[in-house]
Amino acid sequence: MKQLYHSGSADGASCKEAVNIRALIKELDRRVRILESDIAREEALAGVSNPLNAAYPVLARMMTAQRGNLKQTIAALEQRLAPELAQNA
């Protein structure tokens, strides 16, 4: 007789959540890399790479803030994922 598994179990839900979190982290990391490239391009166009310089591009400042927010989100998601990794180890 074939064994039937119930996909609604707590382990199944936490595993699915972990997969979703990993996918989200991967996507956010991709966006961080795109922002880093865009920031470098803006700095090169302006000829200013020091954010403390008054001539530093406003767009680069905004993208730098967005990149920082994404990195904080990634760190929070990794912390949320840490118990799942420890449980499976």
N, C-alpha and C. Protein backbone atom coordinates (compact mmCIF):
# COMPACT_ATOMS: atom_id res chain seq x y z
N MET A 1 0.83 -1.17 0.00
CA MET A 1 0.00 0.00 0.00
C MET A 1 0.88 1.24 0.00
N LYS A 2 0.52 2.22 -0.81
CA LYS A 2 1.30 3.44 -0.95
C LYS A 2 1.07 4.36 0.25
N GLN A 3 2.16 4.90 0.80
CA GLN A 3 2.09 5.80 1.95
C GLN A 3 1.64 7.19 1.48
N LEU A 4 0.66 7.76 2.12
CA LEU A 4 0.18 9.09 1.80
C LEU A 4 0.74 10.08 2.82
N TYR A 5 1.17 11.22 2.31
CA TYR A 5 1.72 12.25 3.18
C TYR A 5 0.81 13.46 3.14
N HIS A 6 0.61 14.04 4.29
CA HIS A 6 -0.22 15.23 4.39
C HIS A 6 0.68 16.45 4.24
N SER A 7 0.44 17.24 3.18
CA SER A 7 1.31 18.39 2.91
C SER A 7 1.05 19.57 3.83
N GLY A 8 0.03 19.50 4.65
CA GLY A 8 -0.30 20.60 5.52
C GLY A 8 0.36 20.50 6.89
N SER A 9 1.36 19.67 7.04
CA SER A 9 2.01 19.51 8.34
C SER A 9 2.85 20.73 8.67
N ALA A 10 3.19 20.86 9.93
CA ALA A 10 4.00 21.99 10.38
C ALA A 10 5.38 21.95 9.73
N ASP A 11 5.97 20.76 9.61
CA ASP A 11 7.28 20.65 8.97
C ASP A 11 7.21 21.04 7.51
N GLY A 12 6.16 20.63 6.85
CA GLY A 12 5.98 20.99 5.44
C GLY A 12 5.82 22.48 5.25
N ALA A 13 5.08 23.11 6.15
CA ALA A 13 4.87 24.56 6.07
C ALA A 13 6.17 25.30 6.33
N SER A 14 6.92 24.87 7.33
CA SER A 14 8.18 25.56 7.64
C SER A 14 9.20 25.35 6.53
N CYS A 15 9.18 24.19 5.91
CA CYS A 15 10.09 23.93 4.79
C CYS A 15 9.73 24.82 3.60
N LYS A 16 8.44 24.94 3.34
CA LYS A 16 7.99 25.79 2.23
C LYS A 16 8.34 27.25 2.51
N GLU A 17 8.16 27.66 3.75
CA GLU A 17 8.50 29.04 4.12
C GLU A 17 9.99 29.28 3.94
N ALA A 18 10.82 28.31 4.33
CA ALA A 18 12.26 28.45 4.17
C ALA A 18 12.64 28.58 2.70
N VAL A 19 11.99 27.80 1.85
CA VAL A 19 12.26 27.87 0.41
C VAL A 19 11.87 29.26 -0.10
N ASN A 20 10.73 29.76 0.33
CA ASN A 20 10.28 31.09 -0.09
C ASN A 20 11.23 32.18 0.39
N ILE A 21 11.70 32.05 1.62
CA ILE A 21 12.63 33.05 2.17
C ILE A 21 13.93 33.03 1.40
N ARG A 22 14.44 31.83 1.10
CA ARG A 22 15.68 31.73 0.33
C ARG A 22 15.52 32.38 -1.06
N ALA A 23 14.38 32.16 -1.69
CA ALA A 23 14.13 32.75 -3.00
C ALA A 23 14.06 34.27 -2.90
N LEU A 24 13.44 34.77 -1.84
CA LEU A 24 13.35 36.21 -1.63
C LEU A 24 14.73 36.81 -1.38
N ILE A 25 15.54 36.14 -0.58
CA ILE A 25 16.91 36.62 -0.32
C ILE A 25 17.69 36.68 -1.62
N LYS A 26 17.56 35.66 -2.43
CA LYS A 26 18.27 35.63 -3.71
C LYS A 26 17.85 36.80 -4.61
N GLU A 27 16.55 37.08 -4.66
CA GLU A 27 16.05 38.19 -5.47
C GLU A 27 16.51 39.54 -4.92
N LEU A 28 16.45 39.71 -3.62
CA LEU A 28 16.91 40.97 -3.01
C LEU A 28 18.40 41.17 -3.21
N ASP A 29 19.17 40.09 -3.14
CA ASP A 29 20.61 40.19 -3.38
C ASP A 29 20.89 40.61 -4.83
N ARG A 30 20.10 40.10 -5.76
CA ARG A 30 20.24 40.49 -7.16
C ARG A 30 19.98 41.99 -7.31
N ARG A 31 18.95 42.48 -6.63
CA ARG A 31 18.63 43.90 -6.69
C ARG A 31 19.73 44.76 -6.07
N VAL A 32 20.34 44.27 -5.00
CA VAL A 32 21.46 44.99 -4.38
C VAL A 32 22.61 45.13 -5.38
N ARG A 33 22.92 44.04 -6.08
CA ARG A 33 24.00 44.10 -7.07
C ARG A 33 23.68 45.07 -8.21
N ILE A 34 22.43 45.12 -8.64
CA ILE A 34 22.03 46.06 -9.68
C ILE A 34 22.19 47.49 -9.17
N LEU A 35 21.75 47.74 -7.94
CA LEU A 35 21.90 49.07 -7.36
C LEU A 35 23.37 49.47 -7.25
N GLU A 36 24.22 48.54 -6.86
CA GLU A 36 25.65 48.84 -6.76
C GLU A 36 26.21 49.26 -8.11
N SER A 37 25.80 48.57 -9.16
CA SER A 37 26.23 48.92 -10.50
C SER A 37 25.70 50.31 -10.91
N ASP A 38 24.44 50.58 -10.60
CA ASP A 38 23.84 51.87 -10.93
C ASP A 38 24.49 53.00 -10.15
N ILE A 39 24.81 52.76 -8.89
CA ILE A 39 25.49 53.77 -8.07
C ILE A 39 26.85 54.08 -8.66
N ALA A 40 27.59 53.05 -9.03
CA ALA A 40 28.92 53.25 -9.62
C ALA A 40 28.81 54.06 -10.91
N ARG A 41 27.78 53.78 -11.71
CA ARG A 41 27.60 54.52 -12.97
C ARG A 41 27.31 55.99 -12.69
N GLU A 42 26.43 56.27 -11.72
CA GLU A 42 26.11 57.65 -11.38
C GLU A 42 27.34 58.39 -10.86
N GLU A 43 28.13 57.71 -10.03
CA GLU A 43 29.36 58.33 -9.52
C GLU A 43 30.33 58.63 -10.65
N ALA A 44 30.45 57.71 -11.59
CA ALA A 44 31.35 57.92 -12.72
C ALA A 44 30.88 59.08 -13.58
N LEU A 45 29.58 59.19 -13.82
CA LEU A 45 29.05 60.29 -14.62
C LEU A 45 29.29 61.64 -13.96
N ALA A 46 29.15 61.68 -12.63
CA ALA A 46 29.34 62.92 -11.89
C ALA A 46 30.81 63.20 -11.61
N GLY A 47 31.63 62.16 -11.67
CA GLY A 47 33.04 62.31 -11.34
C GLY A 47 33.27 62.49 -9.85
N VAL A 48 32.29 62.08 -9.04
CA VAL A 48 32.38 62.22 -7.58
C VAL A 48 31.96 60.89 -6.96
N SER A 49 32.85 60.34 -6.13
CA SER A 49 32.52 59.07 -5.48
C SER A 49 32.43 59.18 -3.96
N ASN A 50 32.67 60.36 -3.44
CA ASN A 50 32.61 60.58 -2.00
C ASN A 50 31.22 61.11 -1.62
N PRO A 51 30.44 60.31 -0.89
CA PRO A 51 29.09 60.76 -0.52
C PRO A 51 29.06 62.02 0.34
N LEU A 52 30.18 62.36 0.96
CA LEU A 52 30.24 63.57 1.78
C LEU A 52 30.45 64.83 0.95
N ASN A 53 30.82 64.66 -0.30
CA ASN A 53 31.03 65.79 -1.22
C ASN A 53 29.67 66.36 -1.60
N ALA A 54 29.56 67.68 -1.60
CA ALA A 54 28.29 68.34 -1.93
C ALA A 54 27.86 68.05 -3.37
N ALA A 55 28.82 67.73 -4.23
CA ALA A 55 28.50 67.46 -5.64
C ALA A 55 28.10 66.00 -5.89
N TYR A 56 28.05 65.20 -4.83
CA TYR A 56 27.68 63.79 -4.99
C TYR A 56 26.24 63.72 -5.53
N PRO A 57 26.00 62.90 -6.52
CA PRO A 57 24.68 62.86 -7.16
C PRO A 57 23.55 62.45 -6.20
N VAL A 58 22.46 63.17 -6.28
CA VAL A 58 21.29 62.89 -5.43
C VAL A 58 20.76 61.49 -5.72
N LEU A 59 20.72 61.12 -6.99
CA LEU A 59 20.23 59.78 -7.35
C LEU A 59 21.09 58.69 -6.72
N ALA A 60 22.40 58.90 -6.69
CA ALA A 60 23.29 57.92 -6.06
C ALA A 60 23.02 57.84 -4.56
N ARG A 61 22.74 58.98 -3.93
CA ARG A 61 22.39 58.98 -2.50
C ARG A 61 21.12 58.16 -2.25
N MET A 62 20.13 58.38 -3.08
CA MET A 62 18.87 57.67 -2.92
C MET A 62 19.06 56.17 -3.14
N MET A 63 19.84 55.82 -4.15
CA MET A 63 20.07 54.40 -4.42
C MET A 63 20.91 53.77 -3.30
N THR A 64 21.83 54.53 -2.72
CA THR A 64 22.64 54.02 -1.61
C THR A 64 21.75 53.73 -0.40
N ALA A 65 20.79 54.62 -0.14
CA ALA A 65 19.86 54.40 0.97
C ALA A 65 19.00 53.16 0.70
N GLN A 66 18.54 53.02 -0.53
CA GLN A 66 17.72 51.86 -0.89
C GLN A 66 18.53 50.57 -0.75
N ARG A 67 19.79 50.61 -1.20
CA ARG A 67 20.66 49.44 -1.07
C ARG A 67 20.84 49.06 0.40
N GLY A 68 21.02 50.07 1.26
CA GLY A 68 21.16 49.81 2.69
C GLY A 68 19.91 49.16 3.28
N ASN A 69 18.75 49.65 2.86
CA ASN A 69 17.49 49.06 3.32
C ASN A 69 17.36 47.62 2.87
N LEU A 70 17.73 47.34 1.64
CA LEU A 70 17.66 45.97 1.13
C LEU A 70 18.61 45.05 1.90
N LYS A 71 19.79 45.54 2.20
CA LYS A 71 20.76 44.73 2.95
C LYS A 71 20.23 44.44 4.36
N GLN A 72 19.57 45.41 4.98
CA GLN A 72 18.98 45.18 6.30
C GLN A 72 17.86 44.14 6.21
N THR A 73 17.08 44.22 5.16
CA THR A 73 16.00 43.24 4.97
C THR A 73 16.57 41.85 4.77
N ILE A 74 17.64 41.74 3.98
CA ILE A 74 18.29 40.45 3.77
C ILE A 74 18.80 39.89 5.10
N ALA A 75 19.43 40.73 5.90
CA ALA A 75 19.94 40.28 7.20
C ALA A 75 18.81 39.80 8.09
N ALA A 76 17.69 40.50 8.09
CA ALA A 76 16.54 40.09 8.91
C ALA A 76 15.98 38.75 8.43
N LEU A 77 15.91 38.58 7.12
CA LEU A 77 15.42 37.32 6.57
C LEU A 77 16.37 36.17 6.89
N GLU A 78 17.67 36.44 6.84
CA GLU A 78 18.65 35.40 7.18
C GLU A 78 18.53 35.00 8.64
N GLN A 79 18.26 35.97 9.52
CA GLN A 79 18.05 35.66 10.93
C GLN A 79 16.80 34.81 11.11
N ARG A 80 15.78 35.13 10.35
CA ARG A 80 14.54 34.35 10.43
C ARG A 80 14.77 32.93 9.93
N LEU A 81 15.67 32.77 8.98
CA LEU A 81 15.96 31.48 8.41
C LEU A 81 16.91 30.67 9.30
N ALA A 82 17.71 31.33 10.15
CA ALA A 82 18.72 30.66 10.97
C ALA A 82 18.15 29.53 11.84
N PRO A 83 17.02 29.72 12.53
CA PRO A 83 16.49 28.60 13.33
C PRO A 83 16.12 27.39 12.45
N GLU A 84 15.65 27.66 11.26
CA GLU A 84 15.30 26.58 10.33
C GLU A 84 16.55 25.78 9.95
N LEU A 85 17.66 26.49 9.70
CA LEU A 85 18.90 25.83 9.35
C LEU A 85 19.45 25.02 10.52
N ALA A 86 19.35 25.59 11.73
CA ALA A 86 19.85 24.88 12.91
C ALA A 86 19.01 23.64 13.20
N GLN A 87 17.73 23.72 12.95
CA GLN A 87 16.84 22.59 13.19
C GLN A 87 17.13 21.45 12.22
N ASN A 88 17.49 21.77 10.99
CA ASN A 88 17.76 20.74 9.99
C ASN A 88 19.17 20.19 10.05
N ALA A 89 20.04 20.82 10.84
CA ALA A 89 21.43 20.37 10.93
C ALA A 89 21.58 19.16 11.80
